[in-house]
PDB file of N, CA and C in Angstrom:
ATOM      1  N   UNK A   1     -26.334   4.080  11.307  1.00  0.00           N
ATOM      2  CA  UNK A   1     -26.624   2.864  12.054  1.00  0.00           C
ATOM      3  C   UNK A   1     -28.131   2.694  12.173  1.00  0.00           C
ATOM      4  N   UNK A   2     -28.513   1.493  12.328  1.00  0.00           N
ATOM      5  CA  UNK A   2     -29.911   1.177  12.590  1.00  0.00           C
ATOM      6  C   UNK A   2     -29.984   0.426  13.915  1.00  0.00           C
ATOM      7  N   UNK A   3     -31.174   0.241  14.407  1.00  0.00           N
ATOM      8  CA  UNK A   3     -31.380  -0.503  15.641  1.00  0.00           C
ATOM      9  C   UNK A   3     -30.712  -1.865  15.523  1.00  0.00           C
ATOM     10  N   UNK A   4     -29.967  -2.224  16.528  1.00  0.00           N
ATOM     11  CA  UNK A   4     -29.235  -3.491  16.611  1.00  0.00           C
ATOM     12  C   UNK A   4     -27.973  -3.534  15.752  1.00  0.00           C
ATOM     13  N   UNK A   5     -27.540  -2.395  15.206  1.00  0.00           N
ATOM     14  CA  UNK A   5     -26.270  -2.357  14.469  1.00  0.00           C
ATOM     15  C   UNK A   5     -25.116  -2.515  15.441  1.00  0.00           C
ATOM     16  N   UNK A   6     -24.060  -3.132  14.986  1.00  0.00           N
ATOM     17  CA  UNK A   6     -22.860  -3.268  15.797  1.00  0.00           C
ATOM     18  C   UNK A   6     -21.952  -2.071  15.542  1.00  0.00           C
ATOM     19  N   UNK A   7     -21.502  -1.433  16.609  1.00  0.00           N
ATOM     20  CA  UNK A   7     -20.590  -0.295  16.503  1.00  0.00           C
ATOM     21  C   UNK A   7     -19.426  -0.497  17.452  1.00  0.00           C
ATOM     22  N   UNK A   8     -18.317   0.139  17.156  1.00  0.00           N
ATOM     23  CA  UNK A   8     -17.157   0.118  18.044  1.00  0.00           C
ATOM     24  C   UNK A   8     -16.926   1.524  18.549  1.00  0.00           C
ATOM     25  N   UNK A   9     -16.663   1.677  19.828  1.00  0.00           N
ATOM     26  CA  UNK A   9     -16.401   2.981  20.430  1.00  0.00           C
ATOM     27  C   UNK A   9     -15.008   2.984  21.022  1.00  0.00           C
ATOM     28  N   UNK A  10     -14.393   4.144  20.957  1.00  0.00           N
ATOM     29  CA  UNK A  10     -13.080   4.306  21.571  1.00  0.00           C
ATOM     30  C   UNK A  10     -13.065   5.673  22.238  1.00  0.00           C
ATOM     31  N   UNK A  11     -12.727   5.725  23.501  1.00  0.00           N
ATOM     32  CA  UNK A  11     -12.711   6.979  24.254  1.00  0.00           C
ATOM     33  C   UNK A  11     -11.308   7.194  24.801  1.00  0.00           C
ATOM     34  N   UNK A  12     -10.726   8.355  24.473  1.00  0.00           N
ATOM     35  CA  UNK A  12      -9.422   8.720  25.011  1.00  0.00           C
ATOM     36  C   UNK A  12      -8.303   7.809  24.537  1.00  0.00           C
ATOM     37  N   UNK A  13      -7.100   8.105  24.999  1.00  0.00           N
ATOM     38  CA  UNK A  13      -5.943   7.275  24.674  1.00  0.00           C
ATOM     39  C   UNK A  13      -5.430   7.505  23.266  1.00  0.00           C
ATOM     40  N   UNK A  14      -4.543   6.634  22.841  1.00  0.00           N
ATOM     41  CA  UNK A  14      -3.998   6.705  21.490  1.00  0.00           C
ATOM     42  C   UNK A  14      -4.966   6.045  20.518  1.00  0.00           C
ATOM     43  N   UNK A  15      -5.352   6.775  19.511  1.00  0.00           N
ATOM     44  CA  UNK A  15      -6.190   6.185  18.485  1.00  0.00           C
ATOM     45  C   UNK A  15      -5.907   6.875  17.166  1.00  0.00           C
ATOM     46  N   UNK A  16      -6.179   6.159  16.095  1.00  0.00           N
ATOM     47  CA  UNK A  16      -5.906   6.666  14.760  1.00  0.00           C
ATOM     48  C   UNK A  16      -6.773   5.922  13.766  1.00  0.00           C
ATOM     49  N   UNK A  17      -6.823   6.445  12.553  1.00  0.00           N
ATOM     50  CA  UNK A  17      -7.533   5.791  11.461  1.00  0.00           C
ATOM     51  C   UNK A  17      -6.547   5.652  10.319  1.00  0.00           C
ATOM     52  N   UNK A  18      -6.171   4.429  10.020  1.00  0.00           N
ATOM     53  CA  UNK A  18      -5.170   4.182   8.983  1.00  0.00           C
ATOM     54  C   UNK A  18      -5.593   2.999   8.120  1.00  0.00           C
ATOM     55  N   UNK A  19      -6.600   3.225   7.250  1.00  0.00           N
ATOM     56  CA  UNK A  19      -7.039   2.116   6.408  1.00  0.00           C
ATOM     57  C   UNK A  19      -5.949   1.733   5.409  1.00  0.00           C
ATOM     58  N   UNK A  20      -5.897   0.466   5.103  1.00  0.00           N
ATOM     59  CA  UNK A  20      -4.915  -0.041   4.156  1.00  0.00           C
ATOM     60  C   UNK A  20      -5.608  -0.387   2.838  1.00  0.00           C
ATOM     61  N   UNK A  21      -4.882  -0.299   1.736  1.00  0.00           N
ATOM     62  CA  UNK A  21      -5.483  -0.711   0.460  1.00  0.00           C
ATOM     63  C   UNK A  21      -6.022  -2.138   0.588  1.00  0.00           C
ATOM     64  N   UNK A  22      -7.195  -2.343   0.081  1.00  0.00           N
ATOM     65  CA  UNK A  22      -7.796  -3.671   0.155  1.00  0.00           C
ATOM     66  C   UNK A  22      -8.683  -3.882   1.371  1.00  0.00           C
ATOM     67  N   UNK A  23      -8.578  -3.018   2.408  1.00  0.00           N
ATOM     68  CA  UNK A  23      -9.483  -3.117   3.558  1.00  0.00           C
ATOM     69  C   UNK A  23     -10.912  -2.828   3.113  1.00  0.00           C
ATOM     70  N   UNK A  24     -11.869  -3.435   3.767  1.00  0.00           N
ATOM     71  CA  UNK A  24     -13.271  -3.121   3.502  1.00  0.00           C
ATOM     72  C   UNK A  24     -13.546  -1.691   3.943  1.00  0.00           C
ATOM     73  N   UNK A  25     -14.415  -0.979   3.216  1.00  0.00           N
ATOM     74  CA  UNK A  25     -14.728   0.391   3.630  1.00  0.00           C
ATOM     75  C   UNK A  25     -15.500   0.404   4.945  1.00  0.00           C
ATOM     76  N   UNK A  26     -15.239   1.416   5.746  1.00  0.00           N
ATOM     77  CA  UNK A  26     -15.970   1.607   6.997  1.00  0.00           C
ATOM     78  C   UNK A  26     -16.537   3.019   7.009  1.00  0.00           C
ATOM     79  N   UNK A  27     -17.681   3.158   7.653  1.00  0.00           N
ATOM     80  CA  UNK A  27     -18.275   4.465   7.872  1.00  0.00           C
ATOM     81  C   UNK A  27     -17.913   4.895   9.283  1.00  0.00           C
ATOM     82  N   UNK A  28     -17.335   6.093   9.408  1.00  0.00           N
ATOM     83  CA  UNK A  28     -16.910   6.594  10.705  1.00  0.00           C
ATOM     84  C   UNK A  28     -17.912   7.598  11.258  1.00  0.00           C
ATOM     85  N   UNK A  29     -18.158   7.516  12.550  1.00  0.00           N
ATOM     86  CA  UNK A  29     -18.896   8.535  13.289  1.00  0.00           C
ATOM     87  C   UNK A  29     -17.923   9.049  14.339  1.00  0.00           C
ATOM     88  N   UNK A  30     -17.551  10.315  14.217  1.00  0.00           N
ATOM     89  CA  UNK A  30     -16.592  10.940  15.125  1.00  0.00           C
ATOM     90  C   UNK A  30     -17.349  11.915  16.020  1.00  0.00           C
ATOM     91  N   UNK A  31     -17.110  11.838  17.323  1.00  0.00           N
ATOM     92  CA  UNK A  31     -17.820  12.688  18.284  1.00  0.00           C
ATOM     93  C   UNK A  31     -16.793  13.449  19.102  1.00  0.00           C
ATOM     94  N   UNK A  32     -16.918  14.787  19.098  1.00  0.00           N
ATOM     95  CA  UNK A  32     -15.943  15.618  19.803  1.00  0.00           C
ATOM     96  C   UNK A  32     -16.647  16.732  20.558  1.00  0.00           C
ATOM     97  N   UNK A  33     -15.996  17.165  21.625  1.00  0.00           N
ATOM     98  CA  UNK A  33     -16.453  18.317  22.382  1.00  0.00           C
ATOM     99  C   UNK A  33     -15.267  19.228  22.650  1.00  0.00           C
ATOM    100  N   UNK A  34     -15.439  20.508  22.381  1.00  0.00           N
ATOM    101  CA  UNK A  34     -14.388  21.489  22.660  1.00  0.00           C
ATOM    102  C   UNK A  34     -13.069  21.166  21.989  1.00  0.00           C
ATOM    103  N   UNK A  35     -11.977  21.219  22.764  1.00  0.00           N
ATOM    104  CA  UNK A  35     -10.642  20.972  22.202  1.00  0.00           C
ATOM    105  C   UNK A  35     -10.412  19.502  21.871  1.00  0.00           C
ATOM    106  N   UNK A  36     -11.349  18.638  22.236  1.00  0.00           N
ATOM    107  CA  UNK A  36     -11.255  17.235  21.876  1.00  0.00           C
ATOM    108  C   UNK A  36     -11.330  17.007  20.378  1.00  0.00           C
ATOM    109  N   UNK A  37     -11.567  18.065  19.621  1.00  0.00           N
ATOM    110  CA  UNK A  37     -11.627  17.973  18.170  1.00  0.00           C
ATOM    111  C   UNK A  37     -10.246  17.725  17.556  1.00  0.00           C
ATOM    112  N   UNK A  38      -9.176  18.076  18.253  1.00  0.00           N
ATOM    113  CA  UNK A  38      -7.832  18.027  17.650  1.00  0.00           C
ATOM    114  C   UNK A  38      -7.489  16.694  16.991  1.00  0.00           C
ATOM    115  N   UNK A  39      -7.522  15.571  17.680  1.00  0.00           N
ATOM    116  CA  UNK A  39      -7.165  14.323  16.993  1.00  0.00           C
ATOM    117  C   UNK A  39      -8.181  13.928  15.923  1.00  0.00           C
ATOM    118  N   UNK A  40      -9.446  14.272  16.134  1.00  0.00           N
ATOM    119  CA  UNK A  40     -10.466  13.914  15.152  1.00  0.00           C
ATOM    120  C   UNK A  40     -10.346  14.769  13.894  1.00  0.00           C
ATOM    121  N   UNK A  41      -9.915  16.016  14.050  1.00  0.00           N
ATOM    122  CA  UNK A  41      -9.691  16.854  12.875  1.00  0.00           C
ATOM    123  C   UNK A  41      -8.546  16.281  12.038  1.00  0.00           C
ATOM    124  N   UNK A  42      -7.524  15.758  12.695  1.00  0.00           N
ATOM    125  CA  UNK A  42      -6.428  15.104  11.972  1.00  0.00           C
ATOM    126  C   UNK A  42      -6.942  13.898  11.189  1.00  0.00           C
ATOM    127  N   UNK A  43      -7.842  13.139  11.789  1.00  0.00           N
ATOM    128  CA  UNK A  43      -8.439  12.001  11.089  1.00  0.00           C
ATOM    129  C   UNK A  43      -9.227  12.477   9.880  1.00  0.00           C
ATOM    130  N   UNK A  44     -10.000  13.560  10.038  1.00  0.00           N
ATOM    131  CA  UNK A  44     -10.748  14.103   8.904  1.00  0.00           C
ATOM    132  C   UNK A  44      -9.820  14.539   7.770  1.00  0.00           C
ATOM    133  N   UNK A  45      -8.714  15.186   8.121  1.00  0.00           N
ATOM    134  CA  UNK A  45      -7.750  15.598   7.091  1.00  0.00           C
ATOM    135  C   UNK A  45      -7.170  14.384   6.372  1.00  0.00           C
ATOM    136  N   UNK A  46      -6.890  13.326   7.114  1.00  0.00           N
ATOM    137  CA  UNK A  46      -6.366  12.100   6.505  1.00  0.00           C
ATOM    138  C   UNK A  46      -7.395  11.497   5.552  1.00  0.00           C
ATOM    139  N   UNK A  47      -8.653  11.461   5.978  1.00  0.00           N
ATOM    140  CA  UNK A  47      -9.728  10.948   5.128  1.00  0.00           C
ATOM    141  C   UNK A  47      -9.841  11.791   3.861  1.00  0.00           C
ATOM    142  N   UNK A  48      -9.778  13.106   4.006  1.00  0.00           N
ATOM    143  CA  UNK A  48      -9.846  13.995   2.844  1.00  0.00           C
ATOM    144  C   UNK A  48      -8.680  13.733   1.896  1.00  0.00           C
ATOM    145  N   UNK A  49      -7.482  13.555   2.451  1.00  0.00           N
ATOM    146  CA  UNK A  49      -6.326  13.239   1.613  1.00  0.00           C
ATOM    147  C   UNK A  49      -6.554  11.944   0.838  1.00  0.00           C
ATOM    148  N   UNK A  50      -7.070  10.926   1.508  1.00  0.00           N
ATOM    149  CA  UNK A  50      -7.313   9.647   0.840  1.00  0.00           C
ATOM    150  C   UNK A  50      -8.397   9.772  -0.226  1.00  0.00           C
ATOM    151  N   UNK A  51      -9.460  10.530   0.063  1.00  0.00           N
ATOM    152  CA  UNK A  51     -10.504  10.757  -0.938  1.00  0.00           C
ATOM    153  C   UNK A  51      -9.925  11.511  -2.142  1.00  0.00           C
ATOM    154  N   UNK A  52      -9.123  12.537  -1.869  1.00  0.00           N
ATOM    155  CA  UNK A  52      -8.517  13.300  -2.956  1.00  0.00           C
ATOM    156  C   UNK A  52      -7.574  12.456  -3.786  1.00  0.00           C
ATOM    157  N   UNK A  53      -6.796  11.633  -3.132  1.00  0.00           N
ATOM    158  CA  UNK A  53      -5.866  10.744  -3.827  1.00  0.00           C
ATOM    159  C   UNK A  53      -6.641   9.718  -4.636  1.00  0.00           C
ATOM    160  N   UNK A  54      -7.708   9.208  -4.046  1.00  0.00           N
ATOM    161  CA  UNK A  54      -8.535   8.206  -4.710  1.00  0.00           C
ATOM    162  C   UNK A  54      -9.149   8.781  -5.980  1.00  0.00           C
ATOM    163  N   UNK A  55      -9.657  10.017  -5.902  1.00  0.00           N
ATOM    164  CA  UNK A  55     -10.287  10.633  -7.063  1.00  0.00           C
ATOM    165  C   UNK A  55      -9.258  10.995  -8.123  1.00  0.00           C
ATOM    166  N   UNK A  56      -8.075  11.418  -7.683  1.00  0.00           N
ATOM    167  CA  UNK A  56      -7.071  11.878  -8.625  1.00  0.00           C
ATOM    168  C   UNK A  56      -6.255  10.781  -9.274  1.00  0.00           C
ATOM    169  N   UNK A  57      -5.999   9.709  -8.545  1.00  0.00           N
ATOM    170  CA  UNK A  57      -5.076   8.704  -9.069  1.00  0.00           C
ATOM    171  C   UNK A  57      -5.626   7.286  -9.023  1.00  0.00           C
ATOM    172  N   UNK A  58      -6.834   7.119  -8.565  1.00  0.00           N
ATOM    173  CA  UNK A  58      -7.432   5.794  -8.550  1.00  0.00           C
ATOM    174  C   UNK A  58      -6.721   4.790  -7.674  1.00  0.00           C
ATOM    175  N   UNK A  59      -6.431   5.156  -6.436  1.00  0.00           N
ATOM    176  CA  UNK A  59      -5.750   4.198  -5.555  1.00  0.00           C
ATOM    177  C   UNK A  59      -6.695   3.077  -5.141  1.00  0.00           C
ATOM    178  N   UNK A  60      -6.206   2.140  -4.381  1.00  0.00           N
ATOM    179  CA  UNK A  60      -6.979   0.962  -4.016  1.00  0.00           C
ATOM    180  C   UNK A  60      -7.687   1.099  -2.677  1.00  0.00           C
ATOM    181  N   UNK A  61      -7.634   2.261  -2.035  1.00  0.00           N
ATOM    182  CA  UNK A  61      -8.353   2.444  -0.779  1.00  0.00           C
ATOM    183  C   UNK A  61      -9.847   2.493  -1.067  1.00  0.00           C
ATOM    184  N   UNK A  62     -10.598   1.774  -0.274  1.00  0.00           N
ATOM    185  CA  UNK A  62     -12.051   1.809  -0.363  1.00  0.00           C
ATOM    186  C   UNK A  62     -12.535   2.546   0.876  1.00  0.00           C
ATOM    187  N   UNK A  63     -13.078   3.727   0.676  1.00  0.00           N
ATOM    188  CA  UNK A  63     -13.453   4.567   1.811  1.00  0.00           C
ATOM    189  C   UNK A  63     -14.957   4.667   1.946  1.00  0.00           C
ATOM    190  N   UNK A  64     -15.401   4.662   3.184  1.00  0.00           N
ATOM    191  CA  UNK A  64     -16.798   4.914   3.474  1.00  0.00           C
ATOM    192  C   UNK A  64     -16.997   6.401   3.728  1.00  0.00           C
ATOM    193  N   UNK A  65     -17.968   6.717   4.538  1.00  0.00           N
ATOM    194  CA  UNK A  65     -18.253   8.105   4.870  1.00  0.00           C
ATOM    195  C   UNK A  65     -17.716   8.437   6.261  1.00  0.00           C
ATOM    196  N   UNK A  66     -17.583   9.726   6.519  1.00  0.00           N
ATOM    197  CA  UNK A  66     -17.187  10.210   7.845  1.00  0.00           C
ATOM    198  C   UNK A  66     -18.186  11.273   8.276  1.00  0.00           C
ATOM    199  N   UNK A  67     -18.784  11.077   9.429  1.00  0.00           N
ATOM    200  CA  UNK A  67     -19.731  12.048   9.984  1.00  0.00           C
ATOM    201  C   UNK A  67     -19.183  12.513  11.323  1.00  0.00           C
ATOM    202  N   UNK A  68     -19.014  13.824  11.455  1.00  0.00           N
ATOM    203  CA  UNK A  68     -18.500  14.421  12.680  1.00  0.00           C
ATOM    204  C   UNK A  68     -19.631  15.089  13.439  1.00  0.00           C
ATOM    205  N   UNK A  69     -19.738  14.787  14.716  1.00  0.00           N
ATOM    206  CA  UNK A  69     -20.625  15.496  15.638  1.00  0.00           C
ATOM    207  C   UNK A  69     -19.709  16.258  16.586  1.00  0.00           C
ATOM    208  N   UNK A  70     -19.854  17.581  16.603  1.00  0.00           N
ATOM    209  CA  UNK A  70     -18.915  18.418  17.341  1.00  0.00           C
ATOM    210  C   UNK A  70     -19.681  19.443  18.156  1.00  0.00           C
ATOM    211  N   UNK A  71     -19.446  19.472  19.472  1.00  0.00           N
ATOM    212  CA  UNK A  71     -20.177  20.335  20.385  1.00  0.00           C
ATOM    213  C   UNK A  71     -19.246  21.315  21.090  1.00  0.00           C
ATOM    214  N   UNK A  72     -19.772  22.518  21.316  1.00  0.00           N
ATOM    215  CA  UNK A  72     -19.063  23.549  22.086  1.00  0.00           C
ATOM    216  C   UNK A  72     -20.110  24.489  22.678  1.00  0.00           C
ATOM    217  N   UNK A  73     -19.649  25.383  23.556  1.00  0.00           N
ATOM    218  CA  UNK A  73     -20.569  26.342  24.178  1.00  0.00           C
ATOM    219  C   UNK A  73     -21.213  27.250  23.135  1.00  0.00           C
ATOM    220  N   UNK A  74     -20.404  27.747  22.211  1.00  0.00           N
ATOM    221  CA  UNK A  74     -20.907  28.655  21.177  1.00  0.00           C
ATOM    222  C   UNK A  74     -20.055  28.495  19.918  1.00  0.00           C
ATOM    223  N   UNK A  75     -20.458  29.129  18.862  1.00  0.00           N
ATOM    224  CA  UNK A  75     -19.773  28.940  17.578  1.00  0.00           C
ATOM    225  C   UNK A  75     -18.345  29.475  17.593  1.00  0.00           C
ATOM    226  N   UNK A  76     -18.056  30.446  18.445  1.00  0.00           N
ATOM    227  CA  UNK A  76     -16.679  30.950  18.501  1.00  0.00           C
ATOM    228  C   UNK A  76     -15.721  29.918  19.098  1.00  0.00           C
ATOM    229  N   UNK A  77     -16.244  28.951  19.834  1.00  0.00           N
ATOM    230  CA  UNK A  77     -15.409  27.902  20.421  1.00  0.00           C
ATOM    231  C   UNK A  77     -15.330  26.640  19.563  1.00  0.00           C
ATOM    232  N   UNK A  78     -15.963  26.661  18.402  1.00  0.00           N
ATOM    233  CA  UNK A  78     -15.860  25.531  17.470  1.00  0.00           C
ATOM    234  C   UNK A  78     -14.567  25.699  16.679  1.00  0.00           C
ATOM    235  N   UNK A  79     -13.529  24.990  17.095  1.00  0.00           N
ATOM    236  CA  UNK A  79     -12.237  25.086  16.427  1.00  0.00           C
ATOM    237  C   UNK A  79     -12.315  24.456  15.042  1.00  0.00           C
ATOM    238  N   UNK A  80     -11.566  24.995  14.107  1.00  0.00           N
ATOM    239  CA  UNK A  80     -11.453  24.461  12.737  1.00  0.00           C
ATOM    240  C   UNK A  80     -12.771  24.469  11.969  1.00  0.00           C
ATOM    241  N   UNK A  81     -13.768  25.239  12.409  1.00  0.00           N
ATOM    242  CA  UNK A  81     -15.082  25.185  11.756  1.00  0.00           C
ATOM    243  C   UNK A  81     -15.011  25.538  10.274  1.00  0.00           C
ATOM    244  N   UNK A  82     -14.218  26.540   9.904  1.00  0.00           N
ATOM    245  CA  UNK A  82     -14.112  26.911   8.484  1.00  0.00           C
ATOM    246  C   UNK A  82     -13.420  25.812   7.685  1.00  0.00           C
ATOM    247  N   UNK A  83     -12.424  25.177   8.289  1.00  0.00           N
ATOM    248  CA  UNK A  83     -11.745  24.067   7.620  1.00  0.00           C
ATOM    249  C   UNK A  83     -12.695  22.884   7.430  1.00  0.00           C
ATOM    250  N   UNK A  84     -13.491  22.608   8.446  1.00  0.00           N
ATOM    251  CA  UNK A  84     -14.435  21.495   8.380  1.00  0.00           C
ATOM    252  C   UNK A  84     -15.486  21.764   7.307  1.00  0.00           C
ATOM    253  N   UNK A  85     -16.000  22.996   7.255  1.00  0.00           N
ATOM    254  CA  UNK A  85     -16.955  23.352   6.208  1.00  0.00           C
ATOM    255  C   UNK A  85     -16.326  23.188   4.822  1.00  0.00           C
ATOM    256  N   UNK A  86     -15.055  23.543   4.706  1.00  0.00           N
ATOM    257  CA  UNK A  86     -14.348  23.382   3.439  1.00  0.00           C
ATOM    258  C   UNK A  86     -14.229  21.918   3.029  1.00  0.00           C
ATOM    259  N   UNK A  87     -13.958  21.041   3.993  1.00  0.00           N
ATOM    260  CA  UNK A  87     -13.888  19.609   3.700  1.00  0.00           C
ATOM    261  C   UNK A  87     -15.244  19.075   3.251  1.00  0.00           C
ATOM    262  N   UNK A  88     -16.309  19.564   3.889  1.00  0.00           N
ATOM    263  CA  UNK A  88     -17.652  19.126   3.511  1.00  0.00           C
ATOM    264  C   UNK A  88     -17.981  19.569   2.090  1.00  0.00           C
ATOM    265  N   UNK A  89     -17.556  20.767   1.709  1.00  0.00           N
ATOM    266  CA  UNK A  89     -17.799  21.257   0.347  1.00  0.00           C
ATOM    267  C   UNK A  89     -16.961  20.492  -0.667  1.00  0.00           C
ATOM    268  N   UNK A  90     -15.735  20.174  -0.300  1.00  0.00           N
ATOM    269  CA  UNK A  90     -14.830  19.476  -1.219  1.00  0.00           C
ATOM    270  C   UNK A  90     -15.250  18.024  -1.437  1.00  0.00           C
ATOM    271  N   UNK A  91     -15.850  17.408  -0.413  1.00  0.00           N
ATOM    272  CA  UNK A  91     -16.218  15.990  -0.486  1.00  0.00           C
ATOM    273  C   UNK A  91     -17.668  15.804  -0.049  1.00  0.00           C
ATOM    274  N   UNK A  92     -18.615  16.363  -0.822  1.00  0.00           N
ATOM    275  CA  UNK A  92     -20.022  16.294  -0.412  1.00  0.00           C
ATOM    276  C   UNK A  92     -20.510  14.846  -0.315  1.00  0.00           C
ATOM    277  N   UNK A  93     -21.214  14.579   0.780  1.00  0.00           N
ATOM    278  CA  UNK A  93     -21.743  13.244   1.006  1.00  0.00           C
ATOM    279  C   UNK A  93     -20.730  12.268   1.581  1.00  0.00           C
ATOM    280  N   UNK A  94     -19.458  12.597   1.482  1.00  0.00           N
ATOM    281  CA  UNK A  94     -18.411  11.714   2.011  1.00  0.00           C
ATOM    282  C   UNK A  94     -17.962  12.174   3.393  1.00  0.00           C
ATOM    283  N   UNK A  95     -17.896  13.499   3.589  1.00  0.00           N
ATOM    284  CA  UNK A  95     -17.556  14.085   4.891  1.00  0.00           C
ATOM    285  C   UNK A  95     -18.684  15.035   5.261  1.00  0.00           C
ATOM    286  N   UNK A  96     -19.326  14.777   6.400  1.00  0.00           N
ATOM    287  CA  UNK A  96     -20.405  15.640   6.867  1.00  0.00           C
ATOM    288  C   UNK A  96     -20.177  15.988   8.336  1.00  0.00           C
ATOM    289  N   UNK A  97     -20.837  17.047   8.775  1.00  0.00           N
ATOM    290  CA  UNK A  97     -20.668  17.489  10.155  1.00  0.00           C
ATOM    291  C   UNK A  97     -21.953  18.095  10.682  1.00  0.00           C
ATOM    292  N   UNK A  98     -22.194  17.858  11.948  1.00  0.00           N
ATOM    293  CA  UNK A  98     -23.279  18.498  12.671  1.00  0.00           C
ATOM    294  C   UNK A  98     -22.660  19.156  13.900  1.00  0.00           C
ATOM    295  N   UNK A  99     -22.717  20.484  13.947  1.00  0.00           N
ATOM    296  CA  UNK A  99     -22.217  21.230  15.097  1.00  0.00           C
ATOM    297  C   UNK A  99     -23.353  21.385  16.108  1.00  0.00           C
ATOM    298  N   UNK A 100     -23.029  21.297  17.376  1.00  0.00           N
ATOM    299  CA  UNK A 100     -24.028  21.497  18.426  1.00  0.00           C
ATOM    300  C   UNK A 100     -23.495  22.558  19.382  1.00  0.00           C
ATOM    301  N   UNK A 101     -24.270  23.605  19.592  1.00  0.00           N
ATOM    302  CA  UNK A 101     -23.869  24.649  20.543  1.00  0.00           C
ATOM    303  C   UNK A 101     -24.858  24.649  21.699  1.00  0.00           C
ATOM    304  N   UNK A 102     -24.328  24.857  22.903  1.00  0.00           N
ATOM    305  CA  UNK A 102     -25.161  24.742  24.098  1.00  0.00           C
ATOM    306  C   UNK A 102     -25.520  26.072  24.743  1.00  0.00           C
ATOM    307  N   UNK A 103     -24.722  27.135  24.478  1.00  0.00           N
ATOM    308  CA  UNK A 103     -24.967  28.407  25.155  1.00  0.00           C
ATOM    309  C   UNK A 103     -24.840  29.598  24.215  1.00  0.00           C
ATOM    310  N   UNK A 104     -25.204  29.437  22.958  1.00  0.00           N
ATOM    311  CA  UNK A 104     -25.093  30.529  21.981  1.00  0.00           C
ATOM    312  C   UNK A 104     -26.112  31.612  22.310  1.00  0.00           C
ATOM    313  N   UNK A 105     -25.657  32.827  22.473  1.00  0.00           N
ATOM    314  CA  UNK A 105     -26.561  33.946  22.758  1.00  0.00           C
ATOM    315  C   UNK A 105     -26.703  34.868  21.557  1.00  0.00           C
ATOM    316  N   UNK A 106     -25.696  34.911  20.711  1.00  0.00           N
ATOM    317  CA  UNK A 106     -25.736  35.802  19.550  1.00  0.00           C
ATOM    318  C   UNK A 106     -26.227  35.050  18.317  1.00  0.00           C
ATOM    319  N   UNK A 107     -26.485  35.826  17.270  1.00  0.00           N
ATOM    320  CA  UNK A 107     -26.933  35.262  15.998  1.00  0.00           C
ATOM    321  C   UNK A 107     -25.860  34.336  15.419  1.00  0.00           C
ATOM    322  N   UNK A 108     -26.266  33.222  14.853  1.00  0.00           N
ATOM    323  CA  UNK A 108     -25.343  32.286  14.205  1.00  0.00           C
ATOM    324  C   UNK A 108     -25.200  32.692  12.743  1.00  0.00           C
ATOM    325  N   UNK A 109     -23.962  32.754  12.263  1.00  0.00           N
ATOM    326  CA  UNK A 109     -23.721  33.176  10.885  1.00  0.00           C
ATOM    327  C   UNK A 109     -24.425  32.230   9.911  1.00  0.00           C
ATOM    328  N   UNK A 110     -24.814  32.769   8.749  1.00  0.00           N
ATOM    329  CA  UNK A 110     -25.589  32.003   7.772  1.00  0.00           C
ATOM    330  C   UNK A 110     -24.850  30.776   7.269  1.00  0.00           C
ATOM    331  N   UNK A 111     -23.536  30.858   7.165  1.00  0.00           N
ATOM    332  CA  UNK A 111     -22.750  29.727   6.660  1.00  0.00           C
ATOM    333  C   UNK A 111     -22.860  28.510   7.587  1.00  0.00           C
ATOM    334  N   UNK A 112     -22.952  28.761   8.897  1.00  0.00           N
ATOM    335  CA  UNK A 112     -23.026  27.667   9.866  1.00  0.00           C
ATOM    336  C   UNK A 112     -24.453  27.201  10.155  1.00  0.00           C
ATOM    337  N   UNK A 113     -25.438  28.065   9.943  1.00  0.00           N
ATOM    338  CA  UNK A 113     -26.814  27.761  10.348  1.00  0.00           C
ATOM    339  C   UNK A 113     -27.330  26.395   9.904  1.00  0.00           C
ATOM    340  N   UNK A 114     -27.068  25.965   8.668  1.00  0.00           N
ATOM    341  CA  UNK A 114     -27.607  24.649   8.271  1.00  0.00           C
ATOM    342  C   UNK A 114     -26.980  23.468   9.028  1.00  0.00           C
ATOM    343  N   UNK A 115     -25.854  23.694   9.678  1.00  0.00           N
ATOM    344  CA  UNK A 115     -25.136  22.618  10.313  1.00  0.00           C
ATOM    345  C   UNK A 115     -25.179  22.685  11.848  1.00  0.00           C
ATOM    346  N   UNK A 116     -25.963  23.620  12.399  1.00  0.00           N
ATOM    347  CA  UNK A 116     -26.004  23.860  13.845  1.00  0.00           C
ATOM    348  C   UNK A 116     -27.277  23.281  14.450  1.00  0.00           C
ATOM    349  N   UNK A 117     -27.105  22.620  15.594  1.00  0.00           N
ATOM    350  CA  UNK A 117     -28.249  22.237  16.425  1.00  0.00           C
ATOM    351  C   UNK A 117     -28.001  22.819  17.810  1.00  0.00           C
ATOM    352  N   UNK A 118     -29.000  22.816  18.641  1.00  0.00           N
ATOM    353  CA  UNK A 118     -28.854  23.333  20.003  1.00  0.00           C
ATOM    354  C   UNK A 118     -29.508  24.683  20.136  1.00  0.00           C
ATOM    355  N   UNK A 119     -29.129  25.398  21.198  1.00  0.00           N
ATOM    356  CA  UNK A 119     -29.738  26.696  21.501  1.00  0.00           C
ATOM    357  C   UNK A 119     -29.188  27.785  20.622  1.00  0.00           C
TER     358      UNK A 119
END
C-alpha cells in the first residue's frame, strides 16, 4: 500500500477468502497474533493450493500476493512457522511472512532470523 491507498479491514467473526475464476486479483495483508493465526493459516493454505493449481493446470484464477504479519511472545509460540516457511519457499514472492517476537530471550534459529523483527 501507499499513502492514501484504500484498504479493507476485517476483525474477528466469520471471514474467508474464496476468489472465483475471473475475479480481479487482490493482494492480501494478513495480521495475526498468537493463536489468532489459525483461520489465517487456512487462508494461506487455500492460496497455496490455488497457486499450485494455477501453475500446474492453468486455471482461470488470477491471484495477487499474500503477506502475513504474525506476532507472538517468542519463536516457540509461533504456530505453523515451519509450514509457513515452506509455503514461502514453494511460492517465492507470492507468499511472504514477517514474524514479530516481543519477549525472545534465547537465540533465534538461523532459518527464522531473516523473517524476524522485534526483540
